[in-house]
Amino acid sequence: MKLAIYGYGNLGKGVECAIRQNPDAQLFGVFTRRDPDKVKTLTGVSVYPADQIGKYKDEIDVLIICGGSATDLPAMTPMLAKDFNVVDSFDTHAKIPSHFANVDAAAKESGHIALISAGWDPGMFSLNRCYASSILPEGNDYTFWGRGVSQGHSDAVRRIAGVKDARQYTVPVPSALEQVRAGTNPTLTTREKHTRECYVVAEDGADLARIEHEIKTMPNYFDEYDTTVHFISEAEMKRDHGELPHGGFVIRTGKTGLNGEHSHVIEYSLKLDSNPEFTASAIVAFARAICRMHARGDNGCKTVFDIAPGDLSPLSPEELRARML
């Protein structure tokens, strides 16, 4: 399958690396809104201007869109789905239904297929919530993220006027995690499950009080959490926050038996050295799936719930049955 990358930040670089680990994938090139002559890729692949991407619509099987969820993907994904099969990692959970509807209309009109919200959450964590709640219908779902850097939340902070750079860490509240693992089935508010920590490099002369207020009151990102904002120097950012780790836990607690006498806990966890590289690896697997689905005549918008597990794997059905079943 011939893949291309649209947008070349941390996620785009992660996709570039992931493609090298998949022998059935080939990277056509990178499309950027920056000056292509000033973009140096990790592997030396060709770089093209984003506004000329339409010239290559017959040469790319799947276009992987590596923009931010706050402002990029809501416009980019439906626009590009008119000419390409696409995958994005849209992660603003509250807005997924409306994003799906916009992308679905564009993809169906053009006969293309699009997968939105691929990655680990939404993505792999979504699948685990679905599997676990289906197996234990009488129970409760809990998702904890971190401690780690959220790409989407960091990007949202960087979009605030006066912010030069930012990292946002999502941190589980330890007592809440302990209660869930103990099977006590607590009722927890959003604020009781996580806190958020922001490290911000501000532009010279920026109004720090305004920036902090805009962060803490940002809908869908920070307004429902206890958020701490630290203003630091560029040197501190580079020294202390240069890496992008993340991870988390999906936990389902439930009961079985005639009278619910037996308790069960399902836990799925991730510990990631690099959030963007792991997300990229998941995206490439999902690109394989939609490439196969489109070849079978499917179109429209999809989520991870619509993807058969076998379509993610480079192995044949026969190999999967022999090796993994």
Protein backbone atom coordinates (compact mmCIF):
# COMPACT_ATOMS: atom_id res chain seq x y z
CA MET A 1 0.00 0.00 0.00
CA LYS A 2 1.26 3.44 -0.90
CA LEU A 3 0.82 5.89 1.97
CA ALA A 4 1.40 9.63 2.24
CA ILE A 5 1.68 11.97 5.22
CA TYR A 6 -0.17 15.30 5.41
CA GLY A 7 1.48 17.43 8.08
CA TYR A 8 4.97 16.88 9.42
CA GLY A 9 5.13 17.40 13.16
CA ASN A 10 5.77 14.80 15.86
CA LEU A 11 2.97 12.54 14.64
CA GLY A 12 4.04 12.81 10.99
CA LYS A 13 7.58 11.83 11.92
CA GLY A 14 6.19 8.90 13.90
CA VAL A 15 4.23 7.71 10.87
CA GLU A 16 7.36 8.00 8.74
CA CYS A 17 9.19 5.68 11.16
CA ALA A 18 6.25 3.25 11.51
CA ILE A 19 5.95 2.74 7.76
CA ARG A 20 9.55 1.49 7.71
CA GLN A 21 8.52 -1.34 10.06
CA ASN A 22 5.74 -2.56 7.75
CA PRO A 23 7.07 -4.35 4.63
CA ASP A 24 3.69 -4.09 2.87
CA ALA A 25 3.73 -0.25 3.17
CA GLN A 26 5.56 2.33 1.10
CA LEU A 27 5.82 6.05 1.85
CA PHE A 28 4.99 8.16 -1.20
CA GLY A 29 5.94 11.44 0.44
CA VAL A 30 5.17 14.19 2.91
CA PHE A 31 2.84 17.12 2.23
CA THR A 32 3.39 20.27 4.28
CA ARG A 33 2.00 23.79 4.61
CA ARG A 34 5.54 25.01 5.23
CA ASP A 35 8.14 25.69 2.54
CA PRO A 36 9.04 22.15 1.33
CA ASP A 37 12.63 23.22 0.73
CA LYS A 38 13.00 23.93 4.44
CA VAL A 39 11.53 20.62 5.67
CA LYS A 40 14.08 17.85 6.19
CA THR A 41 12.53 14.42 6.71
CA LEU A 42 14.04 11.63 8.78
CA THR A 43 14.32 9.24 5.84
CA GLY A 44 14.91 11.65 2.96
CA VAL A 45 11.49 11.03 1.43
CA SER A 46 10.14 13.65 -1.00
CA VAL A 47 8.36 16.70 0.43
CA TYR A 48 5.55 18.44 -1.47
CA PRO A 49 3.53 21.62 -0.89
CA ALA A 50 0.18 20.86 0.71
CA ASP A 51 -1.75 22.99 -1.77
CA GLN A 52 -0.61 20.75 -4.65
CA ILE A 53 -1.78 17.48 -3.14
CA GLY A 54 -4.67 17.15 -5.60
CA LYS A 55 -2.19 16.37 -8.37
CA TYR A 56 -1.33 13.07 -6.71
CA LYS A 57 -4.76 11.65 -5.87
CA ASP A 58 -4.29 8.68 -8.21
CA GLU A 59 -0.89 7.77 -6.75
CA ILE A 60 -1.78 7.41 -3.06
CA ASP A 61 -3.77 4.55 -1.52
CA VAL A 62 -4.24 6.15 1.91
CA LEU A 63 -3.44 9.68 3.09
CA ILE A 64 -2.58 9.93 6.79
CA ILE A 65 -3.56 13.34 8.14
CA CYS A 66 -1.28 14.47 10.95
CA GLY A 67 -2.91 17.71 12.07
CA GLY A 68 -4.18 18.91 15.42
CA SER A 69 -7.68 18.13 16.64
CA ALA A 70 -8.41 21.63 17.90
CA THR A 71 -8.50 23.43 14.54
CA ASP A 72 -6.80 21.37 11.80
CA LEU A 73 -8.64 18.07 11.49
CA PRO A 74 -12.24 19.37 11.55
CA ALA A 75 -11.47 21.17 8.26
CA MET A 76 -8.74 18.97 6.79
CA THR A 77 -10.29 15.52 7.02
CA PRO A 78 -13.60 16.20 5.21
CA MET A 79 -11.76 18.31 2.62
CA LEU A 80 -9.17 15.63 1.86
CA ALA A 81 -11.71 12.78 1.96
CA LYS A 82 -13.13 14.20 -1.26
CA ASP A 83 -10.00 13.06 -3.14
CA PHE A 84 -8.35 10.40 -0.97
CA ASN A 85 -8.89 7.51 1.39
CA VAL A 86 -7.84 9.08 4.70
CA VAL A 87 -7.02 8.33 8.33
CA ASP A 88 -6.88 10.88 11.13
CA SER A 89 -6.34 10.80 14.91
CA PHE A 90 -9.08 13.26 15.93
CA ASP A 91 -9.20 13.04 19.73
CA THR A 92 -11.71 15.61 20.99
CA HIS A 93 -14.09 12.95 22.33
CA ALA A 94 -17.10 15.26 22.74
CA LYS A 95 -16.95 16.32 19.08
CA ILE A 96 -16.41 12.91 17.47
CA PRO A 97 -20.08 12.49 16.42
CA SER A 98 -20.17 15.79 14.51
CA HIS A 99 -16.72 15.19 12.99
CA PHE A 100 -17.89 11.73 11.88
CA ALA A 101 -20.96 13.18 10.19
CA ASN A 102 -18.94 15.77 8.25
CA VAL A 103 -16.32 13.26 7.10
CA ASP A 104 -18.93 10.61 6.26
CA ALA A 105 -20.78 12.98 3.93
CA ALA A 106 -17.60 13.92 2.08
CA ALA A 107 -16.30 10.36 1.78
CA LYS A 108 -19.59 8.86 0.60
CA GLU A 109 -20.05 11.57 -2.01
CA SER A 110 -16.62 10.83 -3.49
CA GLY A 111 -16.67 7.07 -3.02
CA HIS A 112 -13.69 7.11 -0.66
CA ILE A 113 -13.26 5.58 2.77
CA ALA A 114 -12.16 7.49 5.87
CA LEU A 115 -11.21 6.37 9.34
CA ILE A 116 -11.34 8.96 12.09
CA SER A 117 -10.02 8.91 15.67
CA ALA A 118 -7.38 6.21 15.18
CA GLY A 119 -4.65 5.79 17.77
CA TRP A 120 -4.70 4.54 21.33
CA ASP A 121 -7.38 6.77 22.86
CA PRO A 122 -9.55 7.13 20.96
CA GLY A 123 -8.55 3.90 19.25
CA MET A 124 -7.15 0.93 21.17
CA PHE A 125 -8.68 2.07 24.46
CA SER A 126 -12.03 2.48 22.69
CA LEU A 127 -11.91 -1.15 21.55
CA ASN A 128 -11.06 -2.36 25.04
CA ARG A 129 -13.97 -0.42 26.52
CA CYS A 130 -16.25 -2.01 23.92
CA TYR A 131 -14.95 -5.56 24.45
CA ALA A 132 -14.99 -5.37 28.24
CA SER A 133 -18.46 -3.84 28.55
CA SER A 134 -19.83 -6.43 26.13
CA ILE A 135 -18.37 -9.28 28.18
CA LEU A 136 -19.38 -7.86 31.58
CA PRO A 137 -22.70 -6.10 30.91
CA GLU A 138 -23.33 -5.54 34.61
CA GLY A 139 -20.45 -3.33 35.63
CA ASN A 140 -18.64 -0.03 35.28
CA ASP A 141 -16.03 1.40 32.92
CA TYR A 142 -13.11 3.49 34.08
CA THR A 143 -10.41 5.08 31.95
CA PHE A 144 -7.30 6.70 33.39
CA TRP A 145 -4.69 8.48 31.28
CA GLY A 146 -1.09 9.23 32.20
CA ARG A 147 1.01 10.41 33.74
CA GLY A 148 1.96 11.61 30.28
CA VAL A 149 2.00 14.29 27.62
CA SER A 150 -1.24 14.77 25.72
CA GLN A 151 -0.48 15.88 22.15
CA GLY A 152 -3.97 17.26 21.58
CA HIS A 153 -4.10 19.23 24.81
CA SER A 154 -0.56 20.53 24.34
CA ASP A 155 -1.49 21.66 20.84
CA ALA A 156 -4.60 23.40 22.16
CA VAL A 157 -2.51 25.37 24.67
CA ARG A 158 0.02 26.32 21.98
CA ARG A 159 -2.83 27.87 19.95
CA ILE A 160 -3.47 30.46 22.69
CA ALA A 161 -2.19 33.92 21.82
CA GLY A 162 1.07 34.66 23.61
CA VAL A 163 2.09 31.00 24.04
CA LYS A 164 5.41 30.09 22.43
CA ASP A 165 5.51 26.42 23.50
CA ALA A 166 3.62 24.15 25.88
CA ARG A 167 3.38 20.65 27.30
CA GLN A 168 0.30 19.32 29.05
CA TYR A 169 0.53 16.33 31.38
CA THR A 170 -2.54 14.30 32.28
CA VAL A 171 -2.19 12.77 35.76
CA PRO A 172 -4.44 10.10 37.34
CA VAL A 173 -5.53 10.73 40.90
CA PRO A 174 -3.88 7.81 42.78
CA SER A 175 -6.69 7.31 45.29
CA ALA A 176 -9.27 7.03 42.50
CA LEU A 177 -7.19 4.43 40.66
CA GLU A 178 -6.77 2.40 43.85
CA GLN A 179 -10.53 2.41 44.52
CA VAL A 180 -11.30 1.12 41.02
CA ARG A 181 -8.70 -1.64 41.11
CA ALA A 182 -10.09 -2.77 44.46
CA GLY A 183 -13.45 -3.37 42.78
CA THR A 184 -15.40 -0.92 44.93
CA ASN A 185 -17.17 0.55 41.87
CA PRO A 186 -16.86 4.19 42.95
CA THR A 187 -18.81 6.95 41.22
CA LEU A 188 -16.15 9.44 40.15
CA THR A 189 -16.50 12.82 38.54
CA THR A 190 -14.13 13.94 35.80
CA ARG A 191 -12.36 16.17 38.31
CA GLU A 192 -11.94 13.30 40.79
CA LYS A 193 -10.20 11.02 38.29
CA HIS A 194 -7.49 13.26 36.81
CA THR A 195 -5.58 16.47 37.26
CA ARG A 196 -3.82 18.40 34.50
CA GLU A 197 -0.42 20.08 34.60
CA CYS A 198 0.60 22.62 31.97
CA TYR A 199 4.14 23.85 31.39
CA VAL A 200 4.10 26.98 29.25
CA VAL A 201 6.76 29.09 27.57
CA ALA A 202 5.18 32.50 27.03
CA GLU A 203 6.10 35.12 24.46
CA ASP A 204 7.99 38.13 25.81
CA GLY A 205 5.54 40.58 27.30
CA ALA A 206 2.58 38.21 27.15
CA ASP A 207 -0.21 38.56 29.72
CA LEU A 208 0.41 35.50 31.90
CA ALA A 209 -2.81 35.89 33.89
CA ARG A 210 -4.85 35.91 30.68
CA ILE A 211 -3.06 32.83 29.32
CA GLU A 212 -3.63 30.92 32.57
CA HIS A 213 -7.31 31.91 32.60
CA GLU A 214 -7.80 30.81 28.97
CA ILE A 215 -6.19 27.45 29.70
CA LYS A 216 -8.21 26.70 32.82
CA THR A 217 -11.54 27.68 31.24
CA MET A 218 -11.03 26.02 27.82
CA PRO A 219 -14.14 23.90 27.03
CA ASN A 220 -13.60 20.18 26.30
CA TYR A 221 -9.98 20.42 27.41
CA PHE A 222 -9.49 21.93 30.89
CA ASP A 223 -12.67 23.42 32.29
CA GLU A 224 -13.73 20.21 34.07
CA TYR A 225 -10.34 19.53 35.69
CA ASP A 226 -8.15 20.90 38.47
CA THR A 227 -5.39 22.40 36.31
CA THR A 228 -2.03 23.78 37.38
CA VAL A 229 -0.15 26.11 35.03
CA HIS A 230 3.62 26.57 35.32
CA PHE A 231 5.39 29.26 33.29
CA ILE A 232 8.93 28.19 32.45
CA SER A 233 11.81 29.19 30.19
CA GLU A 234 12.65 27.69 26.81
CA ALA A 235 15.76 26.15 28.35
CA GLU A 236 13.68 24.45 31.06
CA MET A 237 11.23 23.18 28.44
CA LYS A 238 14.03 21.63 26.40
CA ARG A 239 15.79 20.20 29.45
CA ASP A 240 12.82 18.82 31.40
CA HIS A 241 10.03 18.25 28.86
CA GLY A 242 11.72 17.20 25.63
CA GLU A 243 10.25 13.69 25.62
CA LEU A 244 6.63 12.72 24.91
CA PRO A 245 5.75 9.77 27.19
CA HIS A 246 2.19 8.69 27.92
CA GLY A 247 0.03 5.71 28.79
CA GLY A 248 -2.95 4.77 30.86
CA PHE A 249 -5.46 2.18 31.95
CA VAL A 250 -8.86 0.94 30.83
CA ILE A 251 -10.59 -0.92 33.65
CA ARG A 252 -13.96 -2.69 33.67
CA THR A 253 -15.37 -4.02 36.91
CA GLY A 254 -18.37 -6.31 36.82
CA LYS A 255 -20.26 -9.18 38.40
CA THR A 256 -21.51 -12.54 37.16
CA GLY A 257 -23.60 -15.33 38.65
CA LEU A 258 -27.24 -15.78 39.44
CA ASN A 259 -27.12 -13.14 42.17
CA GLY A 260 -23.98 -11.30 41.12
CA GLU A 261 -21.89 -13.16 43.67
CA HIS A 262 -18.67 -13.20 41.66
CA SER A 263 -16.66 -10.07 40.92
CA HIS A 264 -14.27 -9.53 38.02
CA VAL A 265 -11.80 -6.84 36.98
CA ILE A 266 -10.57 -6.45 33.39
CA GLU A 267 -7.57 -4.13 33.01
CA TYR A 268 -5.76 -3.08 29.85
CA SER A 269 -2.76 -0.79 30.20
CA LEU A 270 -0.19 1.01 28.09
CA LYS A 271 3.16 2.49 29.07
CA LEU A 272 4.59 4.49 26.19
CA ASP A 273 8.01 6.04 25.79
CA SER A 274 6.70 8.05 22.83
CA ASN A 275 3.05 9.00 22.52
CA PRO A 276 3.30 10.14 18.86
CA GLU A 277 5.31 7.12 17.73
CA PHE A 278 2.88 4.65 19.29
CA THR A 279 -0.10 6.57 17.92
CA ALA A 280 1.55 6.53 14.50
CA SER A 281 2.10 2.78 14.67
CA ALA A 282 -1.60 2.26 15.39
CA ILE A 283 -2.56 4.59 12.54
CA VAL A 284 -0.47 2.67 9.99
CA ALA A 285 -2.19 -0.59 10.99
CA PHE A 286 -5.59 1.07 10.57
CA ALA A 287 -4.48 2.47 7.19
CA ARG A 288 -3.89 -1.13 6.09
CA ALA A 289 -7.40 -2.03 7.17
CA ILE A 290 -9.16 0.74 5.27
CA CYS A 291 -7.01 0.08 2.21
CA ARG A 292 -8.33 -3.50 2.23
CA MET A 293 -11.89 -2.40 2.91
CA HIS A 294 -11.84 0.11 0.06
CA ALA A 295 -10.55 -2.59 -2.28
CA ARG A 296 -13.66 -4.61 -1.34
CA GLY A 297 -15.88 -1.67 -2.32
CA ASP A 298 -16.54 -0.06 1.06
CA ASN A 299 -16.78 3.71 1.46
CA GLY A 300 -17.83 6.39 3.93
CA CYS A 301 -16.51 7.22 7.38
CA LYS A 302 -15.47 4.51 9.84
CA THR A 303 -14.27 4.29 13.41
CA VAL A 304 -12.24 1.56 15.08
CA PHE A 305 -15.49 -0.24 15.93
CA ASP A 306 -16.06 -0.90 12.23
CA ILE A 307 -12.68 -2.56 11.61
CA ALA A 308 -12.29 -6.34 11.68
CA PRO A 309 -9.19 -7.31 13.71
CA GLY A 310 -7.85 -9.44 10.87
CA ASP A 311 -7.78 -6.43 8.55
CA LEU A 312 -5.24 -4.74 10.83
CA SER A 313 -2.68 -7.50 10.51
CA PRO A 314 -0.25 -8.02 7.63
CA LEU A 315 -0.74 -11.76 8.16
CA SER A 316 -3.19 -13.75 6.06
CA PRO A 317 -6.27 -15.32 7.69
CA GLU A 318 -4.54 -18.71 7.48
CA GLU A 319 -1.44 -17.35 9.24
CA LEU A 320 -3.51 -15.67 11.92
CA ARG A 321 -5.38 -18.90 12.68
CA ALA A 322 -2.13 -20.85 12.89
CA ARG A 323 -0.09 -18.35 14.92
CA MET A 324 -2.44 -16.31 17.09
CA LEU A 325 -5.80 -17.99 17.55
